[in-house]
Amino acid sequence: MKNYFDLKGKVAIVTGASSGLGVQFAKALGDQGAKLALFARREEKLQAVQKELENEGIESMYAVTDVLDTDNVAESVKKVVDQYGRIDILVNGAGVAVIHPAEDQPINEWDRTINTNLNGVYYVAREVGKVMVKQNYGKIINLGSIHSTVAMPGLGISAYVAAKGGVKMLTKALATEWAKYNITVNAIGPAYFESEMTQDVIGDEDFQKAVQAYCPMCRVGSPGELDGALIYFASDASRYCTGQLLSVDGGWTCI
């Protein structure tokens, strides 16, 4: 029986790969046979993740990368091509979260959130897209959010919502531009999962009340519950699916 989710021989870049969901994404891809290129800013964290993957028999390299430094991004992408010869999969997982009331949110917080969560996605996709266009193949998976489509009462996340909404539409735009090159571009829209970025929010009592009120499953996501969506979009099982945002949210966006 053919395994439509087999990634053996594929080369995958994961941004934000030093912690949280980025590490989970890297492991999920590696478990299906992909060779990994880990992008993040913190070298010591990247080294630790690489060692962890190595202990699990997963081949990987890393490149210290700031997704907002376009020259740095181009250099890191070149390193991957120099080592592996191609790039089949990109997972745009780097991001930040800031909670602040809209009426007095500092401009630097707004700029950092929009730049990292939206501009950074484009900068990396642009450089990797050049490689994928030449090889006439590619699978790009952007990390959206439930906040690509909905906000949340009482939580000051206007910058985050604006950025993630932008990721949804950027995904559609890139999908339409690059479809002729056999490149699919999709996004995953998680609800809240435990990670370094969300730990302060998840531990808040008011947030826990919101989960009970707005999530039909009445809980945050657990490790591994994004893996299926990721592997689907990264594999040839999704070869006729592009420009889509798949919400993995316990039903949050249903109500």
C-alpha atoms as a PDB file:
ATOM      1  CA  MET A   1       0.000   0.000   0.000  1.00  0.00           C
ATOM      2  CA  LYS A   2       1.346   3.416  -0.941  1.00  0.00           C
ATOM      3  CA  ASN A   3       2.192   5.714   1.952  1.00  0.00           C
ATOM      4  CA  TYR A   4       0.942   9.127   0.832  1.00  0.00           C
ATOM      5  CA  PHE A   5       2.556  10.770   3.856  1.00  0.00           C
ATOM      6  CA  ASP A   6       6.090   9.471   3.282  1.00  0.00           C
ATOM      7  CA  LEU A   7       8.694  12.260   3.338  1.00  0.00           C
ATOM      8  CA  LYS A   8      11.818  10.155   2.808  1.00  0.00           C
ATOM      9  CA  GLY A   9      14.405  12.074   0.788  1.00  0.00           C
ATOM     10  CA  LYS A  10      12.595  15.402   1.264  1.00  0.00           C
ATOM     11  CA  VAL A  11      14.416  18.443   2.649  1.00  0.00           C
ATOM     12  CA  ALA A  12      12.476  20.641   5.070  1.00  0.00           C
ATOM     13  CA  ILE A  13      13.234  24.043   6.598  1.00  0.00           C
ATOM     14  CA  VAL A  14      11.533  24.853   9.895  1.00  0.00           C
ATOM     15  CA  THR A  15      11.735  28.411  11.224  1.00  0.00           C
ATOM     16  CA  GLY A  16      11.288  29.087  14.914  1.00  0.00           C
ATOM     17  CA  ALA A  17      12.861  25.666  15.422  1.00  0.00           C
ATOM     18  CA  SER A  18      14.604  26.382  18.721  1.00  0.00           C
ATOM     19  CA  SER A  19      11.559  25.886  20.953  1.00  0.00           C
ATOM     20  CA  GLY A  20       7.836  25.193  21.238  1.00  0.00           C
ATOM     21  CA  LEU A  21       5.834  24.226  18.182  1.00  0.00           C
ATOM     22  CA  GLY A  22       8.885  24.604  15.938  1.00  0.00           C
ATOM     23  CA  VAL A  23      10.592  21.701  17.697  1.00  0.00           C
ATOM     24  CA  GLN A  24       7.411  19.625  17.495  1.00  0.00           C
ATOM     25  CA  PHE A  25       7.134  20.374  13.769  1.00  0.00           C
ATOM     26  CA  ALA A  26      10.744  19.357  13.187  1.00  0.00           C
ATOM     27  CA  LYS A  27      10.266  16.051  14.990  1.00  0.00           C
ATOM     28  CA  ALA A  28       7.054  15.285  13.101  1.00  0.00           C
ATOM     29  CA  LEU A  29       8.701  15.872   9.724  1.00  0.00           C
ATOM     30  CA  GLY A  30      11.804  13.938  10.732  1.00  0.00           C
ATOM     31  CA  ASP A  31       9.725  10.990  11.908  1.00  0.00           C
ATOM     32  CA  GLN A  32       8.356  10.739   8.354  1.00  0.00           C
ATOM     33  CA  GLY A  33      11.879  10.652   6.903  1.00  0.00           C
ATOM     34  CA  ALA A  34      12.598  14.293   6.031  1.00  0.00           C
ATOM     35  CA  LYS A  35      16.040  15.853   6.386  1.00  0.00           C
ATOM     36  CA  LEU A  36      15.786  19.040   8.414  1.00  0.00           C
ATOM     37  CA  ALA A  37      17.223  22.533   8.346  1.00  0.00           C
ATOM     38  CA  LEU A  38      16.529  24.328  11.612  1.00  0.00           C
ATOM     39  CA  PHE A  39      16.265  28.144  11.554  1.00  0.00           C
ATOM     40  CA  ALA A  40      16.150  30.320  14.696  1.00  0.00           C
ATOM     41  CA  ARG A  41      18.120  33.087  16.385  1.00  0.00           C
ATOM     42  CA  ARG A  42      19.416  31.242  19.474  1.00  0.00           C
ATOM     43  CA  GLU A  43      22.342  29.044  18.502  1.00  0.00           C
ATOM     44  CA  GLU A  44      22.621  27.224  21.822  1.00  0.00           C
ATOM     45  CA  LYS A  45      18.959  26.225  21.559  1.00  0.00           C
ATOM     46  CA  LEU A  46      19.414  25.100  17.958  1.00  0.00           C
ATOM     47  CA  GLN A  47      22.370  22.958  18.964  1.00  0.00           C
ATOM     48  CA  ALA A  48      20.299  21.313  21.694  1.00  0.00           C
ATOM     49  CA  VAL A  49      17.438  20.576  19.287  1.00  0.00           C
ATOM     50  CA  GLN A  50      19.827  19.204  16.680  1.00  0.00           C
ATOM     51  CA  LYS A  51      21.335  16.884  19.298  1.00  0.00           C
ATOM     52  CA  GLU A  52      17.873  15.740  20.338  1.00  0.00           C
ATOM     53  CA  LEU A  53      16.953  14.966  16.726  1.00  0.00           C
ATOM     54  CA  GLU A  54      20.260  13.179  16.198  1.00  0.00           C
ATOM     55  CA  ASN A  55      19.515  10.930  19.184  1.00  0.00           C
ATOM     56  CA  GLU A  56      16.250   9.990  17.468  1.00  0.00           C
ATOM     57  CA  GLY A  57      18.045   9.146  14.210  1.00  0.00           C
ATOM     58  CA  ILE A  58      16.860  12.271  12.365  1.00  0.00           C
ATOM     59  CA  GLU A  59      19.336  14.027  10.066  1.00  0.00           C
ATOM     60  CA  SER A  60      19.499  17.793  10.459  1.00  0.00           C
ATOM     61  CA  MET A  61      21.538  20.945  10.100  1.00  0.00           C
ATOM     62  CA  TYR A  62      20.941  24.391  11.542  1.00  0.00           C
ATOM     63  CA  ALA A  63      21.464  28.009  10.537  1.00  0.00           C
ATOM     64  CA  VAL A  64      21.304  30.895  12.982  1.00  0.00           C
ATOM     65  CA  THR A  65      18.627  33.028  11.344  1.00  0.00           C
ATOM     66  CA  ASP A  66      16.750  36.220  12.125  1.00  0.00           C
ATOM     67  CA  VAL A  67      13.674  36.103   9.897  1.00  0.00           C
ATOM     68  CA  LEU A  68      13.592  39.919   9.801  1.00  0.00           C
ATOM     69  CA  ASP A  69      17.128  40.181   8.381  1.00  0.00           C
ATOM     70  CA  THR A  70      16.639  39.555   4.669  1.00  0.00           C
ATOM     71  CA  ASP A  71      20.376  39.151   3.975  1.00  0.00           C
ATOM     72  CA  ASN A  72      20.640  36.643   6.822  1.00  0.00           C
ATOM     73  CA  VAL A  73      17.614  34.745   5.490  1.00  0.00           C
ATOM     74  CA  ALA A  74      19.154  34.558   2.003  1.00  0.00           C
ATOM     75  CA  GLU A  75      22.448  33.290   3.457  1.00  0.00           C
ATOM     76  CA  SER A  76      20.693  30.600   5.495  1.00  0.00           C
ATOM     77  CA  VAL A  77      18.649  29.400   2.528  1.00  0.00           C
ATOM     78  CA  LYS A  78      21.841  29.177   0.469  1.00  0.00           C
ATOM     79  CA  LYS A  79      23.451  27.035   3.199  1.00  0.00           C
ATOM     80  CA  VAL A  80      20.595  24.567   2.957  1.00  0.00           C
ATOM     81  CA  VAL A  81      20.843  24.344  -0.835  1.00  0.00           C
ATOM     82  CA  ASP A  82      24.631  23.986  -0.627  1.00  0.00           C
ATOM     83  CA  GLN A  83      24.307  21.078   1.818  1.00  0.00           C
ATOM     84  CA  TYR A  84      21.238  19.261   0.521  1.00  0.00           C
ATOM     85  CA  GLY A  85      20.885  20.447  -3.080  1.00  0.00           C
ATOM     86  CA  ARG A  86      17.201  21.343  -2.843  1.00  0.00           C
ATOM     87  CA  ILE A  87      14.367  22.487  -0.553  1.00  0.00           C
ATOM     88  CA  ASP A  88      11.089  20.589  -0.695  1.00  0.00           C
ATOM     89  CA  ILE A  89       9.241  21.860   2.361  1.00  0.00           C
ATOM     90  CA  LEU A  90       9.131  25.129   4.292  1.00  0.00           C
ATOM     91  CA  VAL A  91       7.384  25.442   7.645  1.00  0.00           C
ATOM     92  CA  ASN A  92       7.132  29.108   8.634  1.00  0.00           C
ATOM     93  CA  GLY A  93       6.848  28.667  12.393  1.00  0.00           C
ATOM     94  CA  ALA A  94       8.661  31.694  13.839  1.00  0.00           C
ATOM     95  CA  GLY A  95       6.469  34.114  15.760  1.00  0.00           C
ATOM     96  CA  VAL A  96       5.899  36.285  18.811  1.00  0.00           C
ATOM     97  CA  ALA A  97       2.836  37.106  20.906  1.00  0.00           C
ATOM     98  CA  VAL A  98       2.143  40.381  22.713  1.00  0.00           C
ATOM     99  CA  ILE A  99      -0.905  41.153  24.860  1.00  0.00           C
ATOM    100  CA  HIS A 100      -1.684  44.827  25.279  1.00  0.00           C
ATOM    101  CA  PRO A 101      -4.887  46.928  25.119  1.00  0.00           C
ATOM    102  CA  ALA A 102      -5.177  48.503  21.675  1.00  0.00           C
ATOM    103  CA  GLU A 103      -5.764  52.018  22.998  1.00  0.00           C
ATOM    104  CA  ASP A 104      -2.331  52.331  24.568  1.00  0.00           C
ATOM    105  CA  GLN A 105      -0.233  49.660  22.885  1.00  0.00           C
ATOM    106  CA  PRO A 106       3.318  50.915  22.315  1.00  0.00           C
ATOM    107  CA  ILE A 107       4.148  51.317  18.649  1.00  0.00           C
ATOM    108  CA  ASN A 108       7.312  49.246  19.028  1.00  0.00           C
ATOM    109  CA  GLU A 109       5.205  46.297  20.271  1.00  0.00           C
ATOM    110  CA  TRP A 110       2.854  46.639  17.313  1.00  0.00           C
ATOM    111  CA  ASP A 111       5.763  46.817  14.865  1.00  0.00           C
ATOM    112  CA  ARG A 112       7.570  43.822  16.388  1.00  0.00           C
ATOM    113  CA  THR A 113       4.451  41.674  16.246  1.00  0.00           C
ATOM    114  CA  ILE A 114       3.534  42.581  12.667  1.00  0.00           C
ATOM    115  CA  ASN A 115       7.128  42.331  11.465  1.00  0.00           C
ATOM    116  CA  THR A 116       7.863  38.937  12.997  1.00  0.00           C
ATOM    117  CA  ASN A 117       4.509  37.233  12.427  1.00  0.00           C
ATOM    118  CA  LEU A 118       3.776  38.567   8.938  1.00  0.00           C
ATOM    119  CA  ASN A 119       6.805  40.175   7.302  1.00  0.00           C
ATOM    120  CA  GLY A 120       9.102  37.397   8.503  1.00  0.00           C
ATOM    121  CA  VAL A 121       6.814  34.791   6.931  1.00  0.00           C
ATOM    122  CA  TYR A 122       7.027  36.607   3.614  1.00  0.00           C
ATOM    123  CA  TYR A 123      10.799  37.158   3.752  1.00  0.00           C
ATOM    124  CA  VAL A 124      11.512  33.456   4.263  1.00  0.00           C
ATOM    125  CA  ALA A 125       8.851  32.307   1.785  1.00  0.00           C
ATOM    126  CA  ARG A 126      10.269  34.680  -0.831  1.00  0.00           C
ATOM    127  CA  GLU A 127      13.813  33.265  -0.595  1.00  0.00           C
ATOM    128  CA  VAL A 128      12.701  29.650  -0.407  1.00  0.00           C
ATOM    129  CA  GLY A 129      10.180  30.304  -3.175  1.00  0.00           C
ATOM    130  CA  LYS A 130      13.008  31.232  -5.544  1.00  0.00           C
ATOM    131  CA  VAL A 131      14.506  27.778  -5.027  1.00  0.00           C
ATOM    132  CA  MET A 132      11.174  26.010  -5.359  1.00  0.00           C
ATOM    133  CA  VAL A 133      10.286  27.868  -8.563  1.00  0.00           C
ATOM    134  CA  LYS A 134      13.553  26.694 -10.165  1.00  0.00           C
ATOM    135  CA  GLN A 135      12.994  23.080  -9.156  1.00  0.00           C
ATOM    136  CA  ASN A 136       9.269  23.268 -10.071  1.00  0.00           C
ATOM    137  CA  TYR A 137       8.174  21.783  -6.753  1.00  0.00           C
ATOM    138  CA  GLY A 138       7.533  22.847  -3.198  1.00  0.00           C
ATOM    139  CA  LYS A 139       5.297  22.630  -0.130  1.00  0.00           C
ATOM    140  CA  ILE A 140       5.003  25.739   2.037  1.00  0.00           C
ATOM    141  CA  ILE A 141       3.146  25.618   5.359  1.00  0.00           C
ATOM    142  CA  ASN A 142       2.621  28.895   7.208  1.00  0.00           C
ATOM    143  CA  LEU A 143       1.681  29.074  10.867  1.00  0.00           C
ATOM    144  CA  GLY A 144      -1.562  30.971  11.101  1.00  0.00           C
ATOM    145  CA  SER A 145      -3.861  30.873  14.109  1.00  0.00           C
ATOM    146  CA  ILE A 146      -7.491  30.753  15.108  1.00  0.00           C
ATOM    147  CA  HIS A 147      -6.874  34.500  15.227  1.00  0.00           C
ATOM    148  CA  SER A 148      -6.433  34.464  11.465  1.00  0.00           C
ATOM    149  CA  THR A 149     -10.238  34.396  11.436  1.00  0.00           C
ATOM    150  CA  VAL A 150     -11.530  35.397  14.904  1.00  0.00           C
ATOM    151  CA  ALA A 151     -10.529  37.707  17.762  1.00  0.00           C
ATOM    152  CA  MET A 152     -11.267  37.221  21.461  1.00  0.00           C
ATOM    153  CA  PRO A 153     -13.221  39.463  23.841  1.00  0.00           C
ATOM    154  CA  GLY A 154     -11.234  40.872  26.727  1.00  0.00           C
ATOM    155  CA  LEU A 155      -7.824  39.941  25.349  1.00  0.00           C
ATOM    156  CA  GLY A 156      -5.637  42.716  23.925  1.00  0.00           C
ATOM    157  CA  ILE A 157      -4.240  40.979  20.875  1.00  0.00           C
ATOM    158  CA  SER A 158      -5.027  43.432  18.067  1.00  0.00           C
ATOM    159  CA  ALA A 159      -1.486  43.298  16.656  1.00  0.00           C
ATOM    160  CA  TYR A 160      -1.401  39.501  16.765  1.00  0.00           C
ATOM    161  CA  VAL A 161      -4.824  39.203  15.139  1.00  0.00           C
ATOM    162  CA  ALA A 162      -3.831  41.672  12.411  1.00  0.00           C
ATOM    163  CA  ALA A 163      -0.636  39.759  11.669  1.00  0.00           C
ATOM    164  CA  LYS A 164      -2.254  36.324  11.633  1.00  0.00           C
ATOM    165  CA  GLY A 165      -5.101  37.584   9.466  1.00  0.00           C
ATOM    166  CA  GLY A 166      -2.410  38.809   7.100  1.00  0.00           C
ATOM    167  CA  VAL A 167      -0.792  35.365   7.103  1.00  0.00           C
ATOM    168  CA  LYS A 168      -4.078  33.845   5.949  1.00  0.00           C
ATOM    169  CA  MET A 169      -4.317  36.200   2.967  1.00  0.00           C
ATOM    170  CA  LEU A 170      -0.594  36.011   2.184  1.00  0.00           C
ATOM    171  CA  THR A 171      -1.019  32.239   2.029  1.00  0.00           C
ATOM    172  CA  LYS A 172      -3.789  32.629  -0.533  1.00  0.00           C
ATOM    173  CA  ALA A 173      -1.802  35.160  -2.567  1.00  0.00           C
ATOM    174  CA  LEU A 174       1.359  33.051  -2.735  1.00  0.00           C
ATOM    175  CA  ALA A 175      -0.723  29.962  -3.525  1.00  0.00           C
ATOM    176  CA  THR A 176      -2.251  31.640  -6.565  1.00  0.00           C
ATOM    177  CA  GLU A 177       1.088  33.029  -7.797  1.00  0.00           C
ATOM    178  CA  TRP A 178       3.090  29.835  -7.421  1.00  0.00           C
ATOM    179  CA  ALA A 179       0.562  27.142  -8.316  1.00  0.00           C
ATOM    180  CA  LYS A 180       1.912  27.098 -11.883  1.00  0.00           C
ATOM    181  CA  TYR A 181       5.272  26.009 -10.466  1.00  0.00           C
ATOM    182  CA  ASN A 182       3.805  22.967  -8.680  1.00  0.00           C
ATOM    183  CA  ILE A 183       4.157  24.740  -5.324  1.00  0.00           C
ATOM    184  CA  THR A 184       1.378  24.482  -2.770  1.00  0.00           C
ATOM    185  CA  VAL A 185       1.041  27.095  -0.017  1.00  0.00           C
ATOM    186  CA  ASN A 186      -1.212  26.367   2.940  1.00  0.00           C
ATOM    187  CA  ALA A 187      -1.550  27.387   6.578  1.00  0.00           C
ATOM    188  CA  ILE A 188      -2.351  25.728   9.881  1.00  0.00           C
ATOM    189  CA  GLY A 189      -4.541  27.680  12.306  1.00  0.00           C
ATOM    190  CA  PRO A 190      -3.945  26.360  15.816  1.00  0.00           C
ATOM    191  CA  ALA A 191      -5.885  27.357  18.882  1.00  0.00           C
ATOM    192  CA  TYR A 192      -3.779  27.674  22.012  1.00  0.00           C
ATOM    193  CA  PHE A 193      -1.087  25.057  22.570  1.00  0.00           C
ATOM    194  CA  GLU A 194       1.363  24.904  25.445  1.00  0.00           C
ATOM    195  CA  SER A 195       4.638  26.520  24.395  1.00  0.00           C
ATOM    196  CA  GLU A 196       7.239  29.016  25.523  1.00  0.00           C
ATOM    197  CA  MET A 197       5.285  31.758  23.743  1.00  0.00           C
ATOM    198  CA  THR A 198       1.877  30.975  25.279  1.00  0.00           C
ATOM    199  CA  GLN A 199       2.757  29.889  28.820  1.00  0.00           C
ATOM    200  CA  ASP A 200       1.855  33.224  30.431  1.00  0.00           C
ATOM    201  CA  VAL A 201      -1.504  33.368  28.645  1.00  0.00           C
ATOM    202  CA  ILE A 202      -2.477  29.761  29.323  1.00  0.00           C
ATOM    203  CA  GLY A 203      -1.777  30.128  33.030  1.00  0.00           C
ATOM    204  CA  ASP A 204      -4.104  33.125  33.365  1.00  0.00           C
ATOM    205  CA  GLU A 205      -7.378  32.476  35.213  1.00  0.00           C
ATOM    206  CA  ASP A 206      -9.426  34.661  32.844  1.00  0.00           C
ATOM    207  CA  PHE A 207      -8.001  32.794  29.875  1.00  0.00           C
ATOM    208  CA  GLN A 208      -9.037  29.479  31.390  1.00  0.00           C
ATOM    209  CA  LYS A 209     -12.590  30.840  31.658  1.00  0.00           C
ATOM    210  CA  ALA A 210     -12.426  31.839  27.983  1.00  0.00           C
ATOM    211  CA  VAL A 211     -11.379  28.305  27.028  1.00  0.00           C
ATOM    212  CA  GLN A 212     -14.401  26.915  28.842  1.00  0.00           C
ATOM    213  CA  ALA A 213     -16.692  29.435  27.135  1.00  0.00           C
ATOM    214  CA  TYR A 214     -15.355  29.388  23.563  1.00  0.00           C
ATOM    215  CA  CYS A 215     -13.714  26.005  22.975  1.00  0.00           C
ATOM    216  CA  PRO A 216     -16.191  23.129  22.613  1.00  0.00           C
ATOM    217  CA  MET A 217     -13.481  20.670  23.728  1.00  0.00           C
ATOM    218  CA  CYS A 218     -12.853  22.912  26.772  1.00  0.00           C
ATOM    219  CA  ARG A 219      -9.079  22.551  26.700  1.00  0.00           C
ATOM    220  CA  VAL A 220      -5.911  23.784  25.017  1.00  0.00           C
ATOM    221  CA  GLY A 221      -4.116  21.673  22.431  1.00  0.00           C
ATOM    222  CA  SER A 222      -1.776  18.851  23.408  1.00  0.00           C
ATOM    223  CA  PRO A 223       1.662  18.002  21.969  1.00  0.00           C
ATOM    224  CA  GLY A 224       1.379  16.194  18.651  1.00  0.00           C
ATOM    225  CA  GLU A 225      -2.153  17.321  17.812  1.00  0.00           C
ATOM    226  CA  LEU A 226      -0.865  19.518  14.970  1.00  0.00           C
ATOM    227  CA  ASP A 227       1.272  16.765  13.450  1.00  0.00           C
ATOM    228  CA  GLY A 228      -1.431  15.303  11.220  1.00  0.00           C
ATOM    229  CA  ALA A 229      -2.260  18.644   9.595  1.00  0.00           C
ATOM    230  CA  LEU A 230       1.429  19.417   9.144  1.00  0.00           C
ATOM    231  CA  ILE A 231       2.281  16.103   7.498  1.00  0.00           C
ATOM    232  CA  TYR A 232      -0.765  16.327   5.244  1.00  0.00           C
ATOM    233  CA  PHE A 233       0.299  19.724   3.898  1.00  0.00           C
ATOM    234  CA  ALA A 234       3.983  18.712   3.684  1.00  0.00           C
ATOM    235  CA  SER A 235       3.314  15.505   1.760  1.00  0.00           C
ATOM    236  CA  ASP A 236       1.980  14.710  -1.679  1.00  0.00           C
ATOM    237  CA  ALA A 237      -1.322  13.707  -0.084  1.00  0.00           C
ATOM    238  CA  SER A 238      -2.223  17.414  -0.405  1.00  0.00           C
ATOM    239  CA  ARG A 239      -0.960  17.922  -3.957  1.00  0.00           C
ATOM    240  CA  TYR A 240      -4.314  19.398  -5.125  1.00  0.00           C
ATOM    241  CA  CYS A 241      -4.862  21.494  -1.994  1.00  0.00           C
ATOM    242  CA  THR A 242      -3.491  25.028  -1.904  1.00  0.00           C
ATOM    243  CA  GLY A 243      -4.324  28.415  -0.414  1.00  0.00           C
ATOM    244  CA  GLN A 244      -6.127  26.889   2.564  1.00  0.00           C
ATOM    245  CA  LEU A 245      -6.109  27.585   6.299  1.00  0.00           C
ATOM    246  CA  LEU A 246      -6.873  24.466   8.343  1.00  0.00           C
ATOM    247  CA  SER A 247      -8.029  25.303  11.865  1.00  0.00           C
ATOM    248  CA  VAL A 248      -6.867  22.839  14.518  1.00  0.00           C
ATOM    249  CA  ASP A 249      -8.713  24.325  17.458  1.00  0.00           C
ATOM    250  CA  GLY A 250     -10.971  21.944  19.331  1.00  0.00           C
ATOM    251  CA  GLY A 251     -13.945  23.555  17.583  1.00  0.00           C
ATOM    252  CA  TRP A 252     -13.116  27.114  18.720  1.00  0.00           C
ATOM    253  CA  THR A 253     -13.901  28.732  15.369  1.00  0.00           C
ATOM    254  CA  CYS A 254     -17.217  26.866  15.073  1.00  0.00           C
ATOM    255  CA  ILE A 255     -18.999  29.199  17.499  1.00  0.00           C
END
